[in-house]
Amino acid sequence: WLFDVEAVLPGVMGPVLVAVFGRPGT
């Protein structure tokens, strides 16, 4: 439950960063 809460709260400074990068185009 806390994982889901932390995922939507703004400004959370969790110790692990999660990034999704995309290569432009289709």
mmCIF file of all heavy atoms, coordinates in Angstrom:
data_MODEL
# 
_entry.id   MODEL 
# 
loop_
_atom_site.group_PDB 
_atom_site.id 
_atom_site.type_symbol 
_atom_site.label_atom_id 
_atom_site.label_alt_id 
_atom_site.label_comp_id 
_atom_site.label_asym_id 
_atom_site.label_entity_id 
_atom_site.label_seq_id 
_atom_site.pdbx_PDB_ins_code 
_atom_site.Cartn_x 
_atom_site.Cartn_y 
_atom_site.Cartn_z 
_atom_site.occupancy 
_atom_site.B_iso_or_equiv 
_atom_site.pdbx_formal_charge 
_atom_site.auth_seq_id 
_atom_site.auth_comp_id 
_atom_site.auth_asym_id 
_atom_site.auth_atom_id 
_atom_site.pdbx_PDB_model_num 
ATOM 1   N N   . TRP A 1 1  ? 0.839  -1.207 0.000   1.00 0.00 ? 1  TRP A N   1 
ATOM 2   C CA  . TRP A 1 1  ? 0.000  0.000  0.000   1.00 0.00 ? 1  TRP A CA  1 
ATOM 3   C C   . TRP A 1 1  ? 0.873  1.255  0.000   1.00 0.00 ? 1  TRP A C   1 
ATOM 4   O O   . TRP A 1 1  ? 0.614  2.209  -0.747  1.00 0.00 ? 1  TRP A O   1 
ATOM 5   C CB  . TRP A 1 1  ? -0.915 -0.021 1.206   1.00 0.00 ? 1  TRP A CB  1 
ATOM 6   C CG  . TRP A 1 1  ? -1.791 1.198  1.328   1.00 0.00 ? 1  TRP A CG  1 
ATOM 7   C CD1 . TRP A 1 1  ? -2.961 1.434  0.664   1.00 0.00 ? 1  TRP A CD1 1 
ATOM 8   C CD2 . TRP A 1 1  ? -1.557 2.342  2.153   1.00 0.00 ? 1  TRP A CD2 1 
ATOM 9   N NE1 . TRP A 1 1  ? -3.482 2.667  1.024   1.00 0.00 ? 1  TRP A NE1 1 
ATOM 10  C CE2 . TRP A 1 1  ? -2.632 3.240  1.940   1.00 0.00 ? 1  TRP A CE2 1 
ATOM 11  C CE3 . TRP A 1 1  ? -0.555 2.689  3.056   1.00 0.00 ? 1  TRP A CE3 1 
ATOM 12  C CZ2 . TRP A 1 1  ? -2.712 4.467  2.590   1.00 0.00 ? 1  TRP A CZ2 1 
ATOM 13  C CZ3 . TRP A 1 1  ? -0.630 3.912  3.705   1.00 0.00 ? 1  TRP A CZ3 1 
ATOM 14  C CH2 . TRP A 1 1  ? -1.707 4.778  3.476   1.00 0.00 ? 1  TRP A CH2 1 
ATOM 15  N N   . LEU A 1 2  ? 1.906  1.261  0.822   1.00 0.00 ? 2  LEU A N   1 
ATOM 16  C CA  . LEU A 1 2  ? 2.801  2.414  0.879   1.00 0.00 ? 2  LEU A CA  1 
ATOM 17  C C   . LEU A 1 2  ? 3.525  2.632  -0.447  1.00 0.00 ? 2  LEU A C   1 
ATOM 18  O O   . LEU A 1 2  ? 3.773  3.777  -0.852  1.00 0.00 ? 2  LEU A O   1 
ATOM 19  C CB  . LEU A 1 2  ? 3.816  2.242  2.007   1.00 0.00 ? 2  LEU A CB  1 
ATOM 20  C CG  . LEU A 1 2  ? 3.345  2.650  3.399   1.00 0.00 ? 2  LEU A CG  1 
ATOM 21  C CD1 . LEU A 1 2  ? 4.375  2.224  4.439   1.00 0.00 ? 2  LEU A CD1 1 
ATOM 22  C CD2 . LEU A 1 2  ? 3.106  4.160  3.474   1.00 0.00 ? 2  LEU A CD2 1 
ATOM 23  N N   . PHE A 1 3  ? 3.885  1.549  -1.123  1.00 0.00 ? 3  PHE A N   1 
ATOM 24  C CA  . PHE A 1 3  ? 4.518  1.702  -2.430  1.00 0.00 ? 3  PHE A CA  1 
ATOM 25  C C   . PHE A 1 3  ? 3.614  2.485  -3.368  1.00 0.00 ? 3  PHE A C   1 
ATOM 26  O O   . PHE A 1 3  ? 4.058  3.408  -4.063  1.00 0.00 ? 3  PHE A O   1 
ATOM 27  C CB  . PHE A 1 3  ? 4.843  0.338  -3.039  1.00 0.00 ? 3  PHE A CB  1 
ATOM 28  C CG  . PHE A 1 3  ? 5.390  0.430  -4.443  1.00 0.00 ? 3  PHE A CG  1 
ATOM 29  C CD1 . PHE A 1 3  ? 6.748  0.576  -4.663  1.00 0.00 ? 3  PHE A CD1 1 
ATOM 30  C CD2 . PHE A 1 3  ? 4.538  0.388  -5.537  1.00 0.00 ? 3  PHE A CD2 1 
ATOM 31  C CE1 . PHE A 1 3  ? 7.247  0.683  -5.952  1.00 0.00 ? 3  PHE A CE1 1 
ATOM 32  C CE2 . PHE A 1 3  ? 5.026  0.506  -6.831  1.00 0.00 ? 3  PHE A CE2 1 
ATOM 33  C CZ  . PHE A 1 3  ? 6.387  0.650  -7.042  1.00 0.00 ? 3  PHE A CZ  1 
ATOM 34  N N   . ASP A 1 4  ? 2.328  2.134  -3.401  1.00 0.00 ? 4  ASP A N   1 
ATOM 35  C CA  . ASP A 1 4  ? 1.387  2.830  -4.274  1.00 0.00 ? 4  ASP A CA  1 
ATOM 36  C C   . ASP A 1 4  ? 1.209  4.290  -3.868  1.00 0.00 ? 4  ASP A C   1 
ATOM 37  O O   . ASP A 1 4  ? 1.092  5.179  -4.725  1.00 0.00 ? 4  ASP A O   1 
ATOM 38  C CB  . ASP A 1 4  ? 0.029  2.118  -4.254  1.00 0.00 ? 4  ASP A CB  1 
ATOM 39  C CG  . ASP A 1 4  ? 0.064  0.778  -4.967  1.00 0.00 ? 4  ASP A CG  1 
ATOM 40  O OD1 . ASP A 1 4  ? 0.922  0.586  -5.837  1.00 0.00 ? 4  ASP A OD1 1 
ATOM 41  O OD2 . ASP A 1 4  ? -0.780 -0.088 -4.644  1.00 0.00 ? 4  ASP A OD2 1 
ATOM 42  N N   . VAL A 1 5  ? 1.191  4.563  -2.571  1.00 0.00 ? 5  VAL A N   1 
ATOM 43  C CA  . VAL A 1 5  ? 1.056  5.940  -2.092  1.00 0.00 ? 5  VAL A CA  1 
ATOM 44  C C   . VAL A 1 5  ? 2.269  6.765  -2.511  1.00 0.00 ? 5  VAL A C   1 
ATOM 45  O O   . VAL A 1 5  ? 2.144  7.879  -3.033  1.00 0.00 ? 5  VAL A O   1 
ATOM 46  C CB  . VAL A 1 5  ? 0.880  5.967  -0.556  1.00 0.00 ? 5  VAL A CB  1 
ATOM 47  C CG1 . VAL A 1 5  ? 0.983  7.400  -0.030  1.00 0.00 ? 5  VAL A CG1 1 
ATOM 48  C CG2 . VAL A 1 5  ? -0.451 5.344  -0.162  1.00 0.00 ? 5  VAL A CG2 1 
ATOM 49  N N   . GLU A 1 6  ? 3.456  6.208  -2.288  1.00 0.00 ? 6  GLU A N   1 
ATOM 50  C CA  . GLU A 1 6  ? 4.677  6.934  -2.644  1.00 0.00 ? 6  GLU A CA  1 
ATOM 51  C C   . GLU A 1 6  ? 4.770  7.198  -4.142  1.00 0.00 ? 6  GLU A C   1 
ATOM 52  O O   . GLU A 1 6  ? 5.358  8.194  -4.575  1.00 0.00 ? 6  GLU A O   1 
ATOM 53  C CB  . GLU A 1 6  ? 5.902  6.133  -2.191  1.00 0.00 ? 6  GLU A CB  1 
ATOM 54  C CG  . GLU A 1 6  ? 6.041  6.043  -0.678  1.00 0.00 ? 6  GLU A CG  1 
ATOM 55  C CD  . GLU A 1 6  ? 7.144  5.090  -0.256  1.00 0.00 ? 6  GLU A CD  1 
ATOM 56  O OE1 . GLU A 1 6  ? 7.868  4.586  -1.140  1.00 0.00 ? 6  GLU A OE1 1 
ATOM 57  O OE2 . GLU A 1 6  ? 7.279  4.840  0.956   1.00 0.00 ? 6  GLU A OE2 1 
ATOM 58  N N   . ALA A 1 7  ? 4.182  6.316  -4.945  1.00 0.00 ? 7  ALA A N   1 
ATOM 59  C CA  . ALA A 1 7  ? 4.252  6.453  -6.395  1.00 0.00 ? 7  ALA A CA  1 
ATOM 60  C C   . ALA A 1 7  ? 3.455  7.644  -6.917  1.00 0.00 ? 7  ALA A C   1 
ATOM 61  O O   . ALA A 1 7  ? 3.763  8.170  -7.992  1.00 0.00 ? 7  ALA A O   1 
ATOM 62  C CB  . ALA A 1 7  ? 3.763  5.168  -7.062  1.00 0.00 ? 7  ALA A CB  1 
ATOM 63  N N   . VAL A 1 8  ? 2.440  8.080  -6.177  1.00 0.00 ? 8  VAL A N   1 
ATOM 64  C CA  . VAL A 1 8  ? 1.580  9.163  -6.668  1.00 0.00 ? 8  VAL A CA  1 
ATOM 65  C C   . VAL A 1 8  ? 1.781  10.478 -5.928  1.00 0.00 ? 8  VAL A C   1 
ATOM 66  O O   . VAL A 1 8  ? 1.383  11.536 -6.432  1.00 0.00 ? 8  VAL A O   1 
ATOM 67  C CB  . VAL A 1 8  ? 0.096  8.749  -6.602  1.00 0.00 ? 8  VAL A CB  1 
ATOM 68  C CG1 . VAL A 1 8  ? -0.161 7.553  -7.500  1.00 0.00 ? 8  VAL A CG1 1 
ATOM 69  C CG2 . VAL A 1 8  ? -0.350 8.442  -5.176  1.00 0.00 ? 8  VAL A CG2 1 
ATOM 70  N N   . LEU A 1 9  ? 2.404  10.453 -4.756  1.00 0.00 ? 9  LEU A N   1 
ATOM 71  C CA  . LEU A 1 9  ? 2.619  11.693 -4.026  1.00 0.00 ? 9  LEU A CA  1 
ATOM 72  C C   . LEU A 1 9  ? 3.729  12.505 -4.689  1.00 0.00 ? 9  LEU A C   1 
ATOM 73  O O   . LEU A 1 9  ? 4.792  11.970 -4.998  1.00 0.00 ? 9  LEU A O   1 
ATOM 74  C CB  . LEU A 1 9  ? 2.996  11.413 -2.571  1.00 0.00 ? 9  LEU A CB  1 
ATOM 75  C CG  . LEU A 1 9  ? 1.883  10.949 -1.634  1.00 0.00 ? 9  LEU A CG  1 
ATOM 76  C CD1 . LEU A 1 9  ? 2.463  10.674 -0.250  1.00 0.00 ? 9  LEU A CD1 1 
ATOM 77  C CD2 . LEU A 1 9  ? 0.776  11.992 -1.557  1.00 0.00 ? 9  LEU A CD2 1 
ATOM 78  N N   . PRO A 1 10 ? 3.518  13.808 -4.901  1.00 0.00 ? 10 PRO A N   1 
ATOM 79  C CA  . PRO A 1 10 ? 4.574  14.636 -5.502  1.00 0.00 ? 10 PRO A CA  1 
ATOM 80  C C   . PRO A 1 10 ? 5.690  14.899 -4.493  1.00 0.00 ? 10 PRO A C   1 
ATOM 81  O O   . PRO A 1 10 ? 5.470  14.969 -3.291  1.00 0.00 ? 10 PRO A O   1 
ATOM 82  C CB  . PRO A 1 10 ? 3.842  15.935 -5.860  1.00 0.00 ? 10 PRO A CB  1 
ATOM 83  C CG  . PRO A 1 10 ? 2.695  15.999 -4.895  1.00 0.00 ? 10 PRO A CG  1 
ATOM 84  C CD  . PRO A 1 10 ? 2.278  14.572 -4.652  1.00 0.00 ? 10 PRO A CD  1 
ATOM 85  N N   . GLY A 1 11 ? 6.914  15.043 -5.019  1.00 0.00 ? 11 GLY A N   1 
ATOM 86  C CA  . GLY A 1 11 ? 8.031  15.454 -4.180  1.00 0.00 ? 11 GLY A CA  1 
ATOM 87  C C   . GLY A 1 11 ? 8.608  14.385 -3.285  1.00 0.00 ? 11 GLY A C   1 
ATOM 88  O O   . GLY A 1 11 ? 9.426  14.687 -2.409  1.00 0.00 ? 11 GLY A O   1 
ATOM 89  N N   . VAL A 1 12 ? 8.220  13.120 -3.471  1.00 0.00 ? 12 VAL A N   1 
ATOM 90  C CA  . VAL A 1 12 ? 8.763  12.052 -2.637  1.00 0.00 ? 12 VAL A CA  1 
ATOM 91  C C   . VAL A 1 12 ? 10.251 11.861 -2.965  1.00 0.00 ? 12 VAL A C   1 
ATOM 92  O O   . VAL A 1 12 ? 10.633 11.762 -4.125  1.00 0.00 ? 12 VAL A O   1 
ATOM 93  C CB  . VAL A 1 12 ? 8.002  10.737 -2.866  1.00 0.00 ? 12 VAL A CB  1 
ATOM 94  C CG1 . VAL A 1 12 ? 8.707  9.574  -2.168  1.00 0.00 ? 12 VAL A CG1 1 
ATOM 95  C CG2 . VAL A 1 12 ? 6.575  10.854 -2.355  1.00 0.00 ? 12 VAL A CG2 1 
ATOM 96  N N   . MET A 1 13 ? 11.084 11.841 -1.929  1.00 0.00 ? 13 MET A N   1 
ATOM 97  C CA  . MET A 1 13 ? 12.529 11.701 -2.114  1.00 0.00 ? 13 MET A CA  1 
ATOM 98  C C   . MET A 1 13 ? 12.965 10.289 -1.744  1.00 0.00 ? 13 MET A C   1 
ATOM 99  O O   . MET A 1 13 ? 13.728 10.066 -0.799  1.00 0.00 ? 13 MET A O   1 
ATOM 100 C CB  . MET A 1 13 ? 13.267 12.744 -1.276  1.00 0.00 ? 13 MET A CB  1 
ATOM 101 C CG  . MET A 1 13 ? 12.961 14.178 -1.655  1.00 0.00 ? 13 MET A CG  1 
ATOM 102 S SD  . MET A 1 13 ? 13.508 14.564 -3.344  1.00 0.00 ? 13 MET A SD  1 
ATOM 103 C CE  . MET A 1 13 ? 15.272 14.627 -3.087  1.00 0.00 ? 13 MET A CE  1 
ATOM 104 N N   . GLY A 1 14 ? 12.447 9.311  -2.466  1.00 0.00 ? 14 GLY A N   1 
ATOM 105 C CA  . GLY A 1 14 ? 12.800 7.927  -2.202  1.00 0.00 ? 14 GLY A CA  1 
ATOM 106 C C   . GLY A 1 14 ? 14.249 7.641  -2.571  1.00 0.00 ? 14 GLY A C   1 
ATOM 107 O O   . GLY A 1 14 ? 14.838 8.332  -3.415  1.00 0.00 ? 14 GLY A O   1 
ATOM 108 N N   . PRO A 1 15 ? 14.858 6.633  -1.970  1.00 0.00 ? 15 PRO A N   1 
ATOM 109 C CA  . PRO A 1 15 ? 16.267 6.350  -2.210  1.00 0.00 ? 15 PRO A CA  1 
ATOM 110 C C   . PRO A 1 15 ? 16.587 5.648  -3.529  1.00 0.00 ? 15 PRO A C   1 
ATOM 111 O O   . PRO A 1 15 ? 17.752 5.449  -3.841  1.00 0.00 ? 15 PRO A O   1 
ATOM 112 C CB  . PRO A 1 15 ? 16.646 5.459  -1.018  1.00 0.00 ? 15 PRO A CB  1 
ATOM 113 C CG  . PRO A 1 15 ? 15.374 4.841  -0.574  1.00 0.00 ? 15 PRO A CG  1 
ATOM 114 C CD  . PRO A 1 15 ? 14.309 5.845  -0.852  1.00 0.00 ? 15 PRO A CD  1 
ATOM 115 N N   . VAL A 1 16 ? 15.563 5.292  -4.300  1.00 0.00 ? 16 VAL A N   1 
ATOM 116 C CA  . VAL A 1 16 ? 15.781 4.687  -5.615  1.00 0.00 ? 16 VAL A CA  1 
ATOM 117 C C   . VAL A 1 16 ? 15.026 5.486  -6.668  1.00 0.00 ? 16 VAL A C   1 
ATOM 118 O O   . VAL A 1 16 ? 13.823 5.719  -6.527  1.00 0.00 ? 16 VAL A O   1 
ATOM 119 C CB  . VAL A 1 16 ? 15.322 3.214  -5.649  1.00 0.00 ? 16 VAL A CB  1 
ATOM 120 C CG1 . VAL A 1 16 ? 15.522 2.624  -7.044  1.00 0.00 ? 16 VAL A CG1 1 
ATOM 121 C CG2 . VAL A 1 16 ? 16.079 2.388  -4.621  1.00 0.00 ? 16 VAL A CG2 1 
ATOM 122 N N   . LEU A 1 17 ? 15.743 5.912  -7.702  1.00 0.00 ? 17 LEU A N   1 
ATOM 123 C CA  . LEU A 1 17 ? 15.125 6.614  -8.822  1.00 0.00 ? 17 LEU A CA  1 
ATOM 124 C C   . LEU A 1 17 ? 14.647 5.613  -9.869  1.00 0.00 ? 17 LEU A C   1 
ATOM 125 O O   . LEU A 1 17 ? 15.308 4.600  -10.121 1.00 0.00 ? 17 LEU A O   1 
ATOM 126 C CB  . LEU A 1 17 ? 16.120 7.568  -9.472  1.00 0.00 ? 17 LEU A CB  1 
ATOM 127 C CG  . LEU A 1 17 ? 16.580 8.755  -8.635  1.00 0.00 ? 17 LEU A CG  1 
ATOM 128 C CD1 . LEU A 1 17 ? 17.725 9.477  -9.328  1.00 0.00 ? 17 LEU A CD1 1 
ATOM 129 C CD2 . LEU A 1 17 ? 15.421 9.716  -8.363  1.00 0.00 ? 17 LEU A CD2 1 
ATOM 130 N N   . VAL A 1 18 ? 13.496 5.911  -10.475 1.00 0.00 ? 18 VAL A N   1 
ATOM 131 C CA  . VAL A 1 18 ? 12.942 5.109  -11.558 1.00 0.00 ? 18 VAL A CA  1 
ATOM 132 C C   . VAL A 1 18 ? 12.712 6.041  -12.744 1.00 0.00 ? 18 VAL A C   1 
ATOM 133 O O   . VAL A 1 18 ? 11.967 7.015  -12.628 1.00 0.00 ? 18 VAL A O   1 
ATOM 134 C CB  . VAL A 1 18 ? 11.600 4.457  -11.168 1.00 0.00 ? 18 VAL A CB  1 
ATOM 135 C CG1 . VAL A 1 18 ? 11.091 3.580  -12.306 1.00 0.00 ? 18 VAL A CG1 1 
ATOM 136 C CG2 . VAL A 1 18 ? 11.747 3.651  -9.891  1.00 0.00 ? 18 VAL A CG2 1 
ATOM 137 N N   . ALA A 1 19 ? 13.351 5.761  -13.857 1.00 0.00 ? 19 ALA A N   1 
ATOM 138 C CA  . ALA A 1 19 ? 13.213 6.609  -15.044 1.00 0.00 ? 19 ALA A CA  1 
ATOM 139 C C   . ALA A 1 19 ? 12.757 5.774  -16.228 1.00 0.00 ? 19 ALA A C   1 
ATOM 140 O O   . ALA A 1 19 ? 13.160 4.613  -16.382 1.00 0.00 ? 19 ALA A O   1 
ATOM 141 C CB  . ALA A 1 19 ? 14.539 7.288  -15.372 1.00 0.00 ? 19 ALA A CB  1 
ATOM 142 N N   . VAL A 1 20 ? 11.924 6.381  -17.059 1.00 0.00 ? 20 VAL A N   1 
ATOM 143 C CA  . VAL A 1 20 ? 11.564 5.801  -18.346 1.00 0.00 ? 20 VAL A CA  1 
ATOM 144 C C   . VAL A 1 20 ? 11.924 6.821  -19.418 1.00 0.00 ? 20 VAL A C   1 
ATOM 145 O O   . VAL A 1 20 ? 11.428 7.948  -19.406 1.00 0.00 ? 20 VAL A O   1 
ATOM 146 C CB  . VAL A 1 20 ? 10.071 5.443  -18.432 1.00 0.00 ? 20 VAL A CB  1 
ATOM 147 C CG1 . VAL A 1 20 ? 9.734  4.891  -19.826 1.00 0.00 ? 20 VAL A CG1 1 
ATOM 148 C CG2 . VAL A 1 20 ? 9.697  4.422  -17.365 1.00 0.00 ? 20 VAL A CG2 1 
ATOM 149 N N   . PHE A 1 21 ? 12.822 6.426  -20.317 1.00 0.00 ? 21 PHE A N   1 
ATOM 150 C CA  . PHE A 1 21 ? 13.243 7.260  -21.438 1.00 0.00 ? 21 PHE A CA  1 
ATOM 151 C C   . PHE A 1 21 ? 12.740 6.623  -22.726 1.00 0.00 ? 21 PHE A C   1 
ATOM 152 O O   . PHE A 1 21 ? 12.685 5.384  -22.846 1.00 0.00 ? 21 PHE A O   1 
ATOM 153 C CB  . PHE A 1 21 ? 14.772 7.340  -21.517 1.00 0.00 ? 21 PHE A CB  1 
ATOM 154 C CG  . PHE A 1 21 ? 15.441 7.990  -20.328 1.00 0.00 ? 21 PHE A CG  1 
ATOM 155 C CD1 . PHE A 1 21 ? 16.726 7.629  -19.969 1.00 0.00 ? 21 PHE A CD1 1 
ATOM 156 C CD2 . PHE A 1 21 ? 14.799 8.954  -19.573 1.00 0.00 ? 21 PHE A CD2 1 
ATOM 157 C CE1 . PHE A 1 21 ? 17.366 8.223  -18.905 1.00 0.00 ? 21 PHE A CE1 1 
ATOM 158 C CE2 . PHE A 1 21 ? 15.410 9.548  -18.498 1.00 0.00 ? 21 PHE A CE2 1 
ATOM 159 C CZ  . PHE A 1 21 ? 16.703 9.193  -18.150 1.00 0.00 ? 21 PHE A CZ  1 
ATOM 160 N N   . GLY A 1 22 ? 12.379 7.450  -23.692 1.00 0.00 ? 22 GLY A N   1 
ATOM 161 C CA  . GLY A 1 22 ? 11.905 6.944  -24.962 1.00 0.00 ? 22 GLY A CA  1 
ATOM 162 C C   . GLY A 1 22 ? 12.757 7.440  -26.116 1.00 0.00 ? 22 GLY A C   1 
ATOM 163 O O   . GLY A 1 22 ? 13.216 8.587  -26.117 1.00 0.00 ? 22 GLY A O   1 
ATOM 164 N N   . ARG A 1 23 ? 12.977 6.584  -27.098 1.00 0.00 ? 23 ARG A N   1 
ATOM 165 C CA  . ARG A 1 23 ? 13.616 7.022  -28.349 1.00 0.00 ? 23 ARG A CA  1 
ATOM 166 C C   . ARG A 1 23 ? 12.522 7.602  -29.239 1.00 0.00 ? 23 ARG A C   1 
ATOM 167 O O   . ARG A 1 23 ? 11.522 6.925  -29.520 1.00 0.00 ? 23 ARG A O   1 
ATOM 168 C CB  . ARG A 1 23 ? 14.306 5.861  -29.054 1.00 0.00 ? 23 ARG A CB  1 
ATOM 169 C CG  . ARG A 1 23 ? 14.877 6.275  -30.394 1.00 0.00 ? 23 ARG A CG  1 
ATOM 170 C CD  . ARG A 1 23 ? 15.783 5.252  -31.023 1.00 0.00 ? 23 ARG A CD  1 
ATOM 171 N NE  . ARG A 1 23 ? 16.164 5.701  -32.351 1.00 0.00 ? 23 ARG A NE  1 
ATOM 172 C CZ  . ARG A 1 23 ? 17.151 5.163  -33.075 1.00 0.00 ? 23 ARG A CZ  1 
ATOM 173 N NH1 . ARG A 1 23 ? 17.853 4.155  -32.570 1.00 0.00 ? 23 ARG A NH1 1 
ATOM 174 N NH2 . ARG A 1 23 ? 17.425 5.627  -34.278 1.00 0.00 ? 23 ARG A NH2 1 
ATOM 175 N N   . PRO A 1 24 ? 12.648 8.844  -29.679 1.00 0.00 ? 24 PRO A N   1 
ATOM 176 C CA  . PRO A 1 24 ? 11.593 9.460  -30.479 1.00 0.00 ? 24 PRO A CA  1 
ATOM 177 C C   . PRO A 1 24 ? 11.317 8.668  -31.767 1.00 0.00 ? 24 PRO A C   1 
ATOM 178 O O   . PRO A 1 24 ? 12.196 7.994  -32.316 1.00 0.00 ? 24 PRO A O   1 
ATOM 179 C CB  . PRO A 1 24 ? 12.168 10.845 -30.817 1.00 0.00 ? 24 PRO A CB  1 
ATOM 180 C CG  . PRO A 1 24 ? 13.176 11.104 -29.739 1.00 0.00 ? 24 PRO A CG  1 
ATOM 181 C CD  . PRO A 1 24 ? 13.765 9.757  -29.413 1.00 0.00 ? 24 PRO A CD  1 
ATOM 182 N N   . GLY A 1 25 ? 10.087 8.771  -32.213 1.00 0.00 ? 25 GLY A N   1 
ATOM 183 C CA  . GLY A 1 25 ? 9.698  8.113  -33.441 1.00 0.00 ? 25 GLY A CA  1 
ATOM 184 C C   . GLY A 1 25 ? 8.601  7.109  -33.208 1.00 0.00 ? 25 GLY A C   1 
ATOM 185 O O   . GLY A 1 25 ? 8.121  6.928  -32.092 1.00 0.00 ? 25 GLY A O   1 
ATOM 186 N N   . THR A 1 26 ? 8.186  6.469  -34.269 1.00 0.00 ? 26 THR A N   1 
ATOM 187 C CA  . THR A 1 26 ? 7.144  5.444  -34.185 1.00 0.00 ? 26 THR A CA  1 
ATOM 188 C C   . THR A 1 26 ? 7.658  4.182  -34.833 1.00 0.00 ? 26 THR A C   1 
ATOM 189 O O   . THR A 1 26 ? 8.546  4.203  -35.678 1.00 0.00 ? 26 THR A O   1 
ATOM 190 C CB  . THR A 1 26 ? 5.850  5.895  -34.890 1.00 0.00 ? 26 THR A CB  1 
ATOM 191 O OG1 . THR A 1 26 ? 6.159  6.221  -36.247 1.00 0.00 ? 26 THR A OG1 1 
ATOM 192 C CG2 . THR A 1 26 ? 5.261  7.113  -34.200 1.00 0.00 ? 26 THR A CG2 1 
# 
